[in-house]
Structures are given as C-alpha cells and as structure tokens.
Amino acid sequence: MTSGGKAAEARPSLKEILASDLPASLVVFLVALPLCMGIALASGAPIMAGLIAGVVGGLVVGLMGGVPLLVSGPAAGLAVMVFGFIQELGFAVTCAAVAVAGLVQVALGALKVARSALAISPAVIHGMLAGIGILIVLGQVHIVLGGSPQSNAWNNLKELPGQIADLHGPATLLGLLTLGILIAWQFLPNGRLKKVPGPLVAVVGGSAVAALLSANVARVQLSADALSAIRLPSLPEGGAWGAFFVAVLSLALVASAESLLSAVATDKLHTGARANLDRELLAQGLANTLSGLAGGLPITGVIVRSAANINAGAKTRWSAVLHAVWMLAFITLLGGLASFVPLTVLAGLLVHVGLKLVNLAHIRELRHRGELPVYLITVAGVVGINLLAGIGLGLGAAILRLLWQLGQVRVESHVENGVHQVCISGALTFVGVPKLSTALATIPSGSKVEVDVAVNTLDHSGFEALESWADTHRKTGGIVNMEPLEDVWKRRDTRAAPATGAAAAPLPSSSVHHVSSLAPGGVQ
C-alpha cells in the first residue's frame, strides 16, 4: 500500500471488463440502489440526493480514485450528522457545506497528509459508527411502526412504547416484513439464491406486497424529470456562518477518516493494485464538491459495497464506474418505478443497517485489546449528546488511555544478601516518573543497589529521573550497579527505527490495531 505515487494498476482489456467487471457492477448497483434511497431518507434529505451521491461517487471516485476496487457513495455513517445539519442550516446550505468540505479534502490530499487520518483510534471510529447505528434504529423504527421519528434519541426512546401500542396497520406490516426478510436472508445457506442481494429482495418484496394489498402508505416520490429534481446549494445568511464552518470541517474530517479506513480494509481483500491514499483523498474531495453542487449527499468509500464488488469478481475500477452508469440510467429512464417503494420499507432497510453498525465482532476485539471503555464513551457521547461531542469524548478517552499506559511503570524492589535488587519494567515516561521516584526514595542512603532496567518504552524524562537518582545515591556513599542508560537508550532507538524522530520507543505489539478486523463495518 502506498500513500503517494502511482499504483501498479494494469490496463484492462475490453474482454476482461465484460467478463468480470460488468457482472460485478450489476451486483453492486442492485446493492447500492435501495441503500442510496434509504440513506437519503435517514438524512432527512430528498431521495434524489442519495441517488445523485451514488452516481457522482461511482463516476468520479471510480475513475480517479487511488483504490480501484473501492466503491464510493452515500454512507449510513454520515446520515445522522447530515440530518442534524439539515435541521439547523437547511438542505441547500448543507449541500454548500458538502461542496466546501470536498475542497478541504482536496487540499488535504494535495498536502499528502492522508495517512494522518489513520491516527484516529479504531475504537473511536467504531464507537462513532455504533452510536450512529443506534440513532438510526431509534429514529427509523418509528417509521417502521407507521409513525414519525422524534427530534432526538431520548424522545425516540420515550415515545416508543406509545408507538408500539398504536400500530398503523399496513405500514407496520410492510416495515416488519422488510426487516424480517433482511434478517432471514443472513441465515440462508450459500448458493445461487444467497448471491441475490438481500436489500434488493427486501425492497422488491415489500413493495410487491404493498401493491398486492393496495396499501395506503407513503411512498418514494421522484420527479419524472431527473434534472428538475436537482437543487442548487446556497450559502448561509446572517449569523449561520459559524455553524456552516463547523459543518464543513466535521464533514471533511469524518468523511476522510471513514474513506481512508475503508480503503485500507479494501486493500486487504484482494491482491491487485495497492491503495494510493493521497490520490484517493483527492478523488473523494472532488466527488464531494461535485455532489454538493448538484444537490447530493456527502460521499465516502464504503467497505461493505466494496467487499460485495470484490466478491462478485471485480478486477478493475470499471466495476464501480459501471454501477454508477446503471444508477444514472435507472434515475433517467426508470425513476417512476421508485414510486412503488413505500417509505416504511426503506425504514425497515435502515433499521437493519443501523443494527449492523453495532458490530459485535468489533466489540469483542476492542474488549480483548482493552479499548472497550473508549468505544463505550464514544457511543454514549454520540447517542446522548451529539456526533461531534461523542467523537471529542472518544478522542479524549483514547488520549487519557494512552497516558495511562505510558504511566504503567513497574518498580519491584527486594533485599538479597544486603543488596537492594530493583527491577524497573513497563513504560518509563514522564507520566511514570513520580511513581519511580516514590519507589526509589524508599532505598536507604549509602546502600548497595543493583538496578535491572527492563523497560519497553523510555523517554527523556524517565532517562533523566533515573540517571539523576543514581548520581545522587552514589554521592551519598551508595553503590549503584546498573547498565549504562545510554545503552538502554540506543536499544530504544533501534526498536523505534524506521520511525525516526519518535519521542519514545513503540508500545508492545499487543497495542497495535489490526485494521482488517477493525475496519468500518455494517451494511452501508
């Protein structure tokens, strides 16, 4: 995988495209179409906005991106954030924020800082996605039951018992039927039937039942003229500029982080051309700018659609491009078919999407690595306050956890044959210096001491604290036998290579995240 330069991508022949990428593009199209409409519904945006984002993401990122097999489009991970911005700023101003956020992404890609987004703890990313999933479920379950979502998670939860007690006949039946099909589809044995995308089966099945029952339920409304449905963005007025810039930065950072993590995860699913992250970020930014200008939702790389693309046999970027072509053809030629889809059916699809965002495998992995508290704090912040607060709390918790780890120095001391045996292990950094000083202060002046420095992390503060204590102990008549700290420092530098300029040696391998197992998950 590379962050700059050209990826080693072979030019495909027309025969290869027809043999592998054409069938794969149809599979991705059938997966993406209902999800684009559903994510627009969850975002509080026009249905066409989700379809526009799907087309622009497929065409622009498909042609220009640095990850050939990554499929881009609207993602459930941004739905709650976009919903909040639309409520605060209005749809047209939110589209402008999406366009400007794309320019920020282009600038970040041009500065070649794509890898810096990967510094965000996976526990925060997955906590954010899980919190969003919970919010989607709490909101969309009201539509599934035939009602309307409330303004926040607490009100959705408070009104849920009343909604269950006052079910709305056909709408509830269709929503629950859709959800039941999606859940049942997961348990089908592998075979030809299982290859048909579950979201497509659920949406078509729910819509067919609605037509047979002549159900009087709200349905998707698309304009017969696709061009007339495009809504141009507008800039904020009055005192809304502060909220506008918050929206721009939030969309740029979250979309970039999710896209790049998806790119890294996609790289692990195939053996073809490796990812060029800076090029990918540039393409994502350009796609978001064009999507915002055309009245579309924000775009990210989506790992689950990408996995479906790869599993369907895609070999080149033309699969992602062609899936957008099919979507554009549907909008312009067959858009009237969307009017058969009940909104409660899309809501059932979104409830399933939200449930998948709370990934139990990720929770088990994070618990095993000791990062579950960071995950839970992020989830609580996203659900209980808002998305930005949740991310901020999660990042703060991750930093505090890191500082706690850096302070985990262990000082064991005992006396053997009149000699004080001291073993220092763990991480000796500025955070652990007080604990080290307290332990060494118990050693009597003038005594003989043998010190075993077996630390895996040593920074300058720890170095100076231990060296200063040894010098002081010797000046007061004591004897200190200890490996020269310069040798310990050199071993630290050897372990830190090739990461030059590090302030401390790397943490043990147990603290390193495996992106393949912690990639953004859920059906998006």
Foldseek 3Di string as FASTA:
>chain_A
DAQDDAWPADDDDPVQCVVFQVQLLVQLLLQQLLVLQLLCVLLVHASLQSLLQQLLQLALCLVFFQQWLFFKGDDLLCSQVNNVCCVVFNLQQLLVLLQLLLVVLLVCLVVSPLCVLVVQDLLLLLLSLLLSLLFLLLQLVLQLQPHGGDDANVVSVVCVVVSVVDGDPLSNVLLVQLLVQLVVLVPDPDDPVNLRDSLSCSQVVSLVVCVVVVPPFAFRDADLASLVPFDFHDHGDDPCVVVSVVSNVVLNSSQSSQQLLLLVLLQVLDDRIHGNRSSNSSSLSVSSSVSSRRSHDRMGGDNVSSNSSVVSRDDGSVSSNVSSVVSVCCNNPVVVVRRSGGSSSSSSVSNQQSVWSNPPLLCVLCVQLVNNVLSVQLSCLCRVPRSVRSSVRSSVVVVVVVLVQLQPWDWDWDADPQEIEIEIEGHQDPSNLVVVVVVLVVDDAQGEYEYHDHYQKDAPNSLVSVVVSQVVSVVRNYHYHYDPVVVVVVVQVVQQPPVPPDRMRDDDPSNDDDSNSSRRIGSD
